[in-house]
Amino acid sequence: QVQLVESGGGLVQAGASLRLSCLCDASGRRPFSRYAMGWFRQAPGKEREFVGAIGWSTPDTFYADSVKGRFTISRDNAKNTVYLQMNSLKPEDTAVYYCTASQILHTLVSGVVDFWGKGTLVTVSS
């Protein structure tokens, strides 16, 4: 099984930056470095949506059009951690952000996720 614990959320003003972290406890036979990792978010009253993802074998990254150029996903396999650097934040970025893990990157991007974290709240004021 895999446990994902997000941190780094908070309240910021528009234009500010935040970095979310997700610590992965992969206690099974598959190590963290063999999971594709991603971030999804859910704004109040809206459906959950894909934000970004990063592969395990090559550092392929994918982003939603709404965050491309502002958000960067990265991973540190030595620390079992994936990050989401969020710059130029907008009020519409306000949401609960969820860390995710899947064995296959492309299925994660399409929303087929093996493991979910509990989420961290990001609030961007105007």
C-alpha atoms as a PDB file:
ATOM      1  CA  GLN A   1       0.000   0.000   0.000  1.00  0.00           C
ATOM      2  CA  VAL A   2       0.944   3.636  -0.443  1.00  0.00           C
ATOM      3  CA  GLN A   3       0.221   6.480   1.935  1.00  0.00           C
ATOM      4  CA  LEU A   4       0.450  10.051   0.704  1.00  0.00           C
ATOM      5  CA  VAL A   5       0.646  13.040   3.035  1.00  0.00           C
ATOM      6  CA  GLU A   6       0.399  16.534   1.603  1.00  0.00           C
ATOM      7  CA  SER A   7       1.667  19.716   3.237  1.00  0.00           C
ATOM      8  CA  GLY A   8       2.338  23.330   2.353  1.00  0.00           C
ATOM      9  CA  GLY A   9      -1.148  24.657   1.753  1.00  0.00           C
ATOM     10  CA  GLY A  10      -2.334  27.948   3.187  1.00  0.00           C
ATOM     11  CA  LEU A  11      -3.783  31.382   2.561  1.00  0.00           C
ATOM     12  CA  VAL A  12      -1.946  33.702   0.202  1.00  0.00           C
ATOM     13  CA  GLN A  13      -2.676  36.767  -1.859  1.00  0.00           C
ATOM     14  CA  ALA A  14      -3.009  36.737  -5.623  1.00  0.00           C
ATOM     15  CA  GLY A  15       0.386  36.784  -7.314  1.00  0.00           C
ATOM     16  CA  ALA A  16       2.123  34.959  -4.486  1.00  0.00           C
ATOM     17  CA  SER A  17       3.824  31.560  -4.572  1.00  0.00           C
ATOM     18  CA  LEU A  18       3.415  28.370  -2.600  1.00  0.00           C
ATOM     19  CA  ARG A  19       5.141  25.016  -2.698  1.00  0.00           C
ATOM     20  CA  LEU A  20       3.185  21.917  -1.877  1.00  0.00           C
ATOM     21  CA  SER A  21       4.944  18.760  -0.768  1.00  0.00           C
ATOM     22  CA  CYS A  22       3.756  15.183  -0.703  1.00  0.00           C
ATOM     23  CA  LEU A  23       5.581  12.567   1.301  1.00  0.00           C
ATOM     24  CA  CYS A  24       5.033   9.055   0.034  1.00  0.00           C
ATOM     25  CA  ASP A  25       5.212   5.997   2.246  1.00  0.00           C
ATOM     26  CA  ALA A  26       5.411   3.088  -0.152  1.00  0.00           C
ATOM     27  CA  SER A  27       5.584   0.118   2.165  1.00  0.00           C
ATOM     28  CA  GLY A  28       4.964  -2.430  -0.554  1.00  0.00           C
ATOM     29  CA  ARG A  29       7.387  -4.057  -2.921  1.00  0.00           C
ATOM     30  CA  ARG A  30       7.165  -1.195  -5.408  1.00  0.00           C
ATOM     31  CA  PRO A  31       9.418   1.718  -4.395  1.00  0.00           C
ATOM     32  CA  PHE A  32       8.413   5.371  -4.626  1.00  0.00           C
ATOM     33  CA  SER A  33      10.737   5.847  -7.599  1.00  0.00           C
ATOM     34  CA  ARG A  34       8.565   3.420  -9.602  1.00  0.00           C
ATOM     35  CA  TYR A  35       5.330   5.390  -9.189  1.00  0.00           C
ATOM     36  CA  ALA A  36       4.105   8.145 -11.442  1.00  0.00           C
ATOM     37  CA  MET A  37       3.034  11.017  -9.206  1.00  0.00           C
ATOM     38  CA  GLY A  38       0.513  13.737  -9.747  1.00  0.00           C
ATOM     39  CA  TRP A  39      -1.617  16.494  -8.303  1.00  0.00           C
ATOM     40  CA  PHE A  40      -5.336  17.029  -8.661  1.00  0.00           C
ATOM     41  CA  ARG A  41      -7.479  19.761  -7.158  1.00  0.00           C
ATOM     42  CA  GLN A  42     -11.090  20.368  -6.275  1.00  0.00           C
ATOM     43  CA  ALA A  43     -12.509  23.840  -5.917  1.00  0.00           C
ATOM     44  CA  PRO A  44     -15.684  24.495  -3.907  1.00  0.00           C
ATOM     45  CA  GLY A  45     -18.719  23.373  -5.873  1.00  0.00           C
ATOM     46  CA  LYS A  46     -16.643  22.001  -8.726  1.00  0.00           C
ATOM     47  CA  GLU A  47     -15.468  18.604  -9.863  1.00  0.00           C
ATOM     48  CA  ARG A  48     -11.988  17.369  -9.134  1.00  0.00           C
ATOM     49  CA  GLU A  49      -9.538  18.207 -11.933  1.00  0.00           C
ATOM     50  CA  PHE A  50      -6.076  17.217 -13.042  1.00  0.00           C
ATOM     51  CA  VAL A  51      -3.273  19.709 -12.299  1.00  0.00           C
ATOM     52  CA  GLY A  52       0.026  18.052 -13.164  1.00  0.00           C
ATOM     53  CA  ALA A  53       1.930  14.775 -13.201  1.00  0.00           C
ATOM     54  CA  ILE A  54       5.475  13.464 -13.413  1.00  0.00           C
ATOM     55  CA  GLY A  55       6.734  10.099 -14.571  1.00  0.00           C
ATOM     56  CA  TRP A  56       9.127   7.750 -12.829  1.00  0.00           C
ATOM     57  CA  SER A  57      11.355   6.303 -15.487  1.00  0.00           C
ATOM     58  CA  THR A  58      11.955   9.563 -17.349  1.00  0.00           C
ATOM     59  CA  PRO A  59      11.101  12.999 -15.970  1.00  0.00           C
ATOM     60  CA  ASP A  60       8.129  13.466 -18.281  1.00  0.00           C
ATOM     61  CA  THR A  61       5.746  16.082 -16.991  1.00  0.00           C
ATOM     62  CA  PHE A  62       2.195  16.989 -17.932  1.00  0.00           C
ATOM     63  CA  TYR A  63       0.138  20.004 -16.896  1.00  0.00           C
ATOM     64  CA  ALA A  64      -3.384  21.266 -17.205  1.00  0.00           C
ATOM     65  CA  ASP A  65      -3.624  24.225 -19.557  1.00  0.00           C
ATOM     66  CA  SER A  66      -4.884  26.385 -16.689  1.00  0.00           C
ATOM     67  CA  VAL A  67      -1.594  26.043 -14.773  1.00  0.00           C
ATOM     68  CA  LYS A  68       0.943  25.608 -17.571  1.00  0.00           C
ATOM     69  CA  GLY A  69       3.770  28.092 -17.217  1.00  0.00           C
ATOM     70  CA  ARG A  70       2.883  28.871 -13.584  1.00  0.00           C
ATOM     71  CA  PHE A  71       3.097  25.499 -11.824  1.00  0.00           C
ATOM     72  CA  THR A  72       6.019  23.075 -11.816  1.00  0.00           C
ATOM     73  CA  ILE A  73       5.937  19.505 -10.574  1.00  0.00           C
ATOM     74  CA  SER A  74       9.134  17.791  -9.461  1.00  0.00           C
ATOM     75  CA  ARG A  75      10.225  14.812  -7.408  1.00  0.00           C
ATOM     76  CA  ASP A  76      13.054  13.817  -5.115  1.00  0.00           C
ATOM     77  CA  ASN A  77      13.236  10.035  -5.100  1.00  0.00           C
ATOM     78  CA  ALA A  78      15.810  10.041  -2.297  1.00  0.00           C
ATOM     79  CA  LYS A  79      13.267  11.791  -0.077  1.00  0.00           C
ATOM     80  CA  ASN A  80      10.183   9.946  -1.368  1.00  0.00           C
ATOM     81  CA  THR A  81       8.664  13.340  -2.019  1.00  0.00           C
ATOM     82  CA  VAL A  82       6.904  15.063  -4.880  1.00  0.00           C
ATOM     83  CA  TYR A  83       6.506  18.826  -5.051  1.00  0.00           C
ATOM     84  CA  LEU A  84       4.201  21.300  -6.723  1.00  0.00           C
ATOM     85  CA  GLN A  85       5.683  24.766  -7.054  1.00  0.00           C
ATOM     86  CA  MET A  86       2.875  27.225  -7.668  1.00  0.00           C
ATOM     87  CA  ASN A  87       3.736  30.720  -8.858  1.00  0.00           C
ATOM     88  CA  SER A  88       1.590  33.684  -9.847  1.00  0.00           C
ATOM     89  CA  LEU A  89      -1.333  32.257  -7.949  1.00  0.00           C
ATOM     90  CA  LYS A  90      -4.827  33.389  -8.885  1.00  0.00           C
ATOM     91  CA  PRO A  91      -8.069  33.315  -6.890  1.00  0.00           C
ATOM     92  CA  GLU A  92      -9.307  30.603  -9.245  1.00  0.00           C
ATOM     93  CA  ASP A  93      -6.486  28.362  -8.006  1.00  0.00           C
ATOM     94  CA  THR A  94      -8.286  28.151  -4.667  1.00  0.00           C
ATOM     95  CA  ALA A  95      -8.967  24.467  -4.032  1.00  0.00           C
ATOM     96  CA  VAL A  96      -8.065  21.409  -2.052  1.00  0.00           C
ATOM     97  CA  TYR A  97      -4.992  19.911  -3.681  1.00  0.00           C
ATOM     98  CA  TYR A  98      -4.587  16.149  -3.679  1.00  0.00           C
ATOM     99  CA  CYS A  99      -1.417  14.170  -4.175  1.00  0.00           C
ATOM    100  CA  THR A 100      -1.791  11.017  -6.249  1.00  0.00           C
ATOM    101  CA  ALA A 101       0.223   7.991  -7.256  1.00  0.00           C
ATOM    102  CA  SER A 102      -0.204   5.452 -10.022  1.00  0.00           C
ATOM    103  CA  GLN A 103       1.901   2.790 -11.659  1.00  0.00           C
ATOM    104  CA  ILE A 104       1.297   4.230 -15.128  1.00  0.00           C
ATOM    105  CA  LEU A 105       1.744   7.917 -15.917  1.00  0.00           C
ATOM    106  CA  HIS A 106      -0.766   8.150 -18.734  1.00  0.00           C
ATOM    107  CA  THR A 107      -3.559   6.557 -16.761  1.00  0.00           C
ATOM    108  CA  LEU A 108      -2.891   8.959 -13.899  1.00  0.00           C
ATOM    109  CA  VAL A 109      -3.159  11.907 -16.275  1.00  0.00           C
ATOM    110  CA  SER A 110      -6.522  10.599 -17.455  1.00  0.00           C
ATOM    111  CA  GLY A 111      -7.767  10.365 -13.890  1.00  0.00           C
ATOM    112  CA  VAL A 112      -7.242   6.675 -13.160  1.00  0.00           C
ATOM    113  CA  VAL A 113      -5.404   6.934  -9.864  1.00  0.00           C
ATOM    114  CA  ASP A 114      -4.199   4.111  -7.636  1.00  0.00           C
ATOM    115  CA  PHE A 115      -3.679   6.129  -4.463  1.00  0.00           C
ATOM    116  CA  TRP A 116      -4.929   9.465  -3.142  1.00  0.00           C
ATOM    117  CA  GLY A 117      -3.773  11.682  -0.319  1.00  0.00           C
ATOM    118  CA  LYS A 118      -6.243  13.457   1.954  1.00  0.00           C
ATOM    119  CA  GLY A 119      -5.531  16.868   0.468  1.00  0.00           C
ATOM    120  CA  THR A 120      -4.261  20.272   1.538  1.00  0.00           C
ATOM    121  CA  LEU A 121      -6.217  23.511   1.183  1.00  0.00           C
ATOM    122  CA  VAL A 122      -4.878  26.395  -0.864  1.00  0.00           C
ATOM    123  CA  THR A 123      -6.755  29.671  -0.637  1.00  0.00           C
ATOM    124  CA  VAL A 124      -5.822  32.603  -2.855  1.00  0.00           C
ATOM    125  CA  SER A 125      -7.339  35.955  -1.972  1.00  0.00           C
ATOM    126  CA  SER A 126      -7.787  38.746  -4.505  1.00  0.00           C
END
